[in-house]
N, C-alpha and C. Protein backbone atom coordinates (compact mmCIF):
# COMPACT_ATOMS: atom_id res chain seq x y z
N MET A 1 137.44 156.20 129.49
CA MET A 1 137.28 154.77 129.63
C MET A 1 136.84 154.13 128.32
N ARG A 2 135.96 154.82 127.58
CA ARG A 2 135.52 154.27 126.30
C ARG A 2 136.68 154.16 125.32
N LEU A 3 137.50 155.21 125.28
CA LEU A 3 138.65 155.19 124.37
C LEU A 3 139.63 154.09 124.77
N LEU A 4 139.85 153.94 126.06
CA LEU A 4 140.76 152.91 126.54
C LEU A 4 140.28 151.52 126.17
N THR A 5 139.01 151.23 126.40
CA THR A 5 138.50 149.90 126.07
C THR A 5 138.46 149.68 124.56
N THR A 6 138.19 150.73 123.79
CA THR A 6 138.19 150.59 122.34
C THR A 6 139.60 150.32 121.82
N LEU A 7 140.58 151.05 122.34
CA LEU A 7 141.97 150.80 121.94
C LEU A 7 142.43 149.42 122.37
N LEU A 8 142.06 149.01 123.57
CA LEU A 8 142.39 147.68 124.04
C LEU A 8 141.79 146.62 123.12
N ALA A 9 140.55 146.82 122.72
CA ALA A 9 139.88 145.87 121.82
C ALA A 9 140.57 145.83 120.46
N LEU A 10 140.97 147.00 119.94
CA LEU A 10 141.65 147.03 118.64
C LEU A 10 143.01 146.35 118.70
N PHE A 11 143.76 146.57 119.77
CA PHE A 11 145.05 145.90 119.92
C PHE A 11 144.87 144.39 120.07
N TRP A 12 143.83 143.99 120.78
CA TRP A 12 143.54 142.56 120.93
C TRP A 12 143.24 141.93 119.57
N ILE A 13 142.39 142.59 118.79
CA ILE A 13 142.03 142.07 117.46
C ILE A 13 143.27 141.99 116.58
N ALA A 14 144.11 143.02 116.61
CA ALA A 14 145.33 143.02 115.79
C ALA A 14 146.28 141.90 116.21
N GLY A 15 146.43 141.69 117.50
CA GLY A 15 147.30 140.63 117.98
C GLY A 15 146.81 139.24 117.61
N VAL A 16 145.52 139.03 117.76
CA VAL A 16 144.95 137.72 117.40
C VAL A 16 145.03 137.51 115.89
N ALA A 17 144.81 138.57 115.11
CA ALA A 17 144.91 138.44 113.65
C ALA A 17 146.33 138.10 113.23
N TRP A 18 147.31 138.73 113.86
CA TRP A 18 148.70 138.44 113.52
C TRP A 18 149.04 136.99 113.88
N PHE A 19 148.65 136.56 115.08
CA PHE A 19 148.93 135.19 115.49
C PHE A 19 148.19 134.19 114.61
N GLY A 20 146.96 134.50 114.26
CA GLY A 20 146.20 133.62 113.37
C GLY A 20 146.82 133.51 112.00
N TRP A 21 147.36 134.62 111.49
CA TRP A 21 148.01 134.61 110.18
C TRP A 21 149.28 133.76 110.21
N THR A 22 150.06 133.88 111.29
CA THR A 22 151.30 133.11 111.36
C THR A 22 151.05 131.64 111.66
N ALA A 23 149.91 131.31 112.22
CA ALA A 23 149.59 129.92 112.55
C ALA A 23 148.65 129.28 111.52
N LEU A 24 148.51 129.90 110.37
CA LEU A 24 147.61 129.39 109.33
C LEU A 24 148.03 127.99 108.89
N PRO A 25 147.10 127.05 108.77
CA PRO A 25 147.45 125.70 108.31
C PRO A 25 148.09 125.73 106.92
N GLN A 26 149.19 125.00 106.79
CA GLN A 26 149.93 124.94 105.53
C GLN A 26 149.93 123.51 105.01
N LEU A 27 150.19 123.37 103.74
CA LEU A 27 150.29 122.06 103.11
C LEU A 27 151.73 121.59 103.20
N PRO A 28 152.00 120.44 103.85
CA PRO A 28 153.38 119.95 103.94
C PRO A 28 153.95 119.64 102.55
N LEU A 29 155.26 119.71 102.44
CA LEU A 29 155.90 119.49 101.14
C LEU A 29 155.83 118.04 100.68
N ASP A 30 155.64 117.09 101.59
CA ASP A 30 155.60 115.69 101.20
C ASP A 30 154.19 115.21 100.83
N VAL A 31 153.24 116.13 100.72
CA VAL A 31 151.86 115.79 100.37
C VAL A 31 151.57 116.36 98.99
N SER A 32 150.85 115.59 98.19
CA SER A 32 150.52 116.04 96.84
C SER A 32 149.57 117.23 96.88
N ALA A 33 149.95 118.29 96.19
CA ALA A 33 149.13 119.50 96.16
C ALA A 33 148.05 119.44 95.08
N SER A 34 148.07 118.40 94.27
CA SER A 34 147.07 118.31 93.20
C SER A 34 145.93 117.34 93.53
N ASP A 35 146.00 116.68 94.66
CA ASP A 35 144.96 115.74 95.07
C ASP A 35 143.74 116.53 95.56
N PRO A 36 142.56 116.31 94.95
CA PRO A 36 141.37 117.07 95.34
C PRO A 36 140.96 116.87 96.81
N SER A 37 141.11 115.67 97.33
CA SER A 37 140.71 115.44 98.72
C SER A 37 141.67 116.13 99.69
N THR A 38 142.94 116.21 99.32
CA THR A 38 143.91 116.93 100.15
C THR A 38 143.59 118.41 100.16
N LEU A 39 143.29 118.97 99.00
CA LEU A 39 142.94 120.39 98.92
C LEU A 39 141.65 120.68 99.68
N GLU A 40 140.70 119.76 99.61
CA GLU A 40 139.45 119.94 100.34
C GLU A 40 139.69 119.93 101.85
N ALA A 41 140.55 119.02 102.31
CA ALA A 41 140.88 118.96 103.74
C ALA A 41 141.62 120.22 104.19
N LEU A 42 142.54 120.70 103.35
CA LEU A 42 143.27 121.93 103.67
C LEU A 42 142.32 123.12 103.74
N ASN A 43 141.42 123.23 102.78
CA ASN A 43 140.46 124.33 102.79
C ASN A 43 139.53 124.26 103.99
N ALA A 44 139.12 123.06 104.37
CA ALA A 44 138.27 122.90 105.56
C ALA A 44 139.03 123.31 106.82
N ALA A 45 140.30 122.92 106.90
CA ALA A 45 141.11 123.30 108.06
C ALA A 45 141.30 124.81 108.12
N ARG A 46 141.49 125.44 106.98
CA ARG A 46 141.66 126.90 106.96
C ARG A 46 140.37 127.61 107.33
N MET A 47 139.23 127.10 106.88
CA MET A 47 137.95 127.71 107.24
C MET A 47 137.70 127.58 108.74
N GLN A 48 137.97 126.41 109.29
CA GLN A 48 137.80 126.20 110.73
C GLN A 48 138.76 127.10 111.51
N HIS A 49 139.98 127.22 111.04
CA HIS A 49 140.97 128.08 111.68
C HIS A 49 140.51 129.54 111.66
N GLY A 50 140.01 129.98 110.52
CA GLY A 50 139.54 131.36 110.41
C GLY A 50 138.35 131.64 111.31
N ALA A 51 137.42 130.71 111.37
CA ALA A 51 136.24 130.89 112.24
C ALA A 51 136.65 130.91 113.71
N LEU A 52 137.56 130.04 114.09
CA LEU A 52 138.01 129.99 115.48
C LEU A 52 138.72 131.29 115.87
N PHE A 53 139.63 131.75 115.02
CA PHE A 53 140.37 132.96 115.36
C PHE A 53 139.49 134.21 115.26
N ALA A 54 138.48 134.19 114.42
CA ALA A 54 137.54 135.31 114.39
C ALA A 54 136.77 135.38 115.70
N ALA A 55 136.35 134.24 116.21
CA ALA A 55 135.64 134.22 117.49
C ALA A 55 136.56 134.63 118.63
N ILE A 56 137.80 134.14 118.61
CA ILE A 56 138.76 134.51 119.66
C ILE A 56 139.04 136.01 119.62
N ALA A 57 139.06 136.59 118.44
CA ALA A 57 139.35 138.02 118.31
C ALA A 57 138.15 138.88 118.67
N LEU A 58 136.97 138.52 118.19
CA LEU A 58 135.83 139.42 118.29
C LEU A 58 135.06 139.33 119.60
N LEU A 59 134.90 138.15 120.15
CA LEU A 59 134.07 138.03 121.36
C LEU A 59 134.65 138.79 122.56
N PRO A 60 135.93 138.61 122.92
CA PRO A 60 136.46 139.41 124.03
C PRO A 60 136.51 140.90 123.71
N ALA A 61 136.78 141.26 122.45
CA ALA A 61 136.83 142.67 122.08
C ALA A 61 135.46 143.32 122.23
N MET A 62 134.43 142.64 121.77
CA MET A 62 133.08 143.18 121.91
C MET A 62 132.68 143.28 123.38
N ALA A 63 133.09 142.31 124.18
CA ALA A 63 132.79 142.36 125.61
C ALA A 63 133.50 143.54 126.27
N ALA A 64 134.76 143.79 125.90
CA ALA A 64 135.50 144.92 126.49
C ALA A 64 134.86 146.25 126.12
N VAL A 65 134.46 146.40 124.86
CA VAL A 65 133.81 147.64 124.44
C VAL A 65 132.46 147.80 125.14
N ALA A 66 131.71 146.73 125.26
CA ALA A 66 130.41 146.80 125.94
C ALA A 66 130.57 147.16 127.42
N ILE A 67 131.57 146.59 128.07
CA ILE A 67 131.81 146.93 129.48
C ILE A 67 132.24 148.38 129.60
N GLY A 68 133.09 148.85 128.69
CA GLY A 68 133.50 150.25 128.71
C GLY A 68 132.34 151.19 128.51
N ARG A 69 131.45 150.86 127.61
CA ARG A 69 130.26 151.70 127.41
C ARG A 69 129.33 151.65 128.62
N TRP A 70 129.21 150.48 129.22
CA TRP A 70 128.34 150.34 130.39
C TRP A 70 128.88 151.14 131.58
N LEU A 71 130.21 151.14 131.75
CA LEU A 71 130.81 151.86 132.87
C LEU A 71 130.74 153.38 132.69
N THR A 72 130.67 153.85 131.46
CA THR A 72 130.70 155.30 131.23
C THR A 72 129.36 155.84 130.76
N ARG A 73 128.31 155.08 130.90
CA ARG A 73 127.00 155.57 130.45
C ARG A 73 126.54 156.72 131.33
N THR A 74 125.75 157.59 130.75
CA THR A 74 125.21 158.72 131.52
C THR A 74 123.92 158.30 132.19
N ARG A 75 123.72 158.81 133.37
CA ARG A 75 122.52 158.41 134.13
C ARG A 75 121.55 159.53 134.18
């Protein structure tokens, strides 16, 4: 059970990481890439995106591993 929940957690993290990478905020071609405020907004969006996807990846994975350990603990 521990191995199963650990593998499930790893596959979950990999899937969320792949989806997060493909959904990364990009700078449209019709926007100036040299404008400091545009770059600041893009960097803020990327930081928020990274934090959101890190939480989406790690919280359920940690819960699955914790439940697996709880179910297989020795008494």
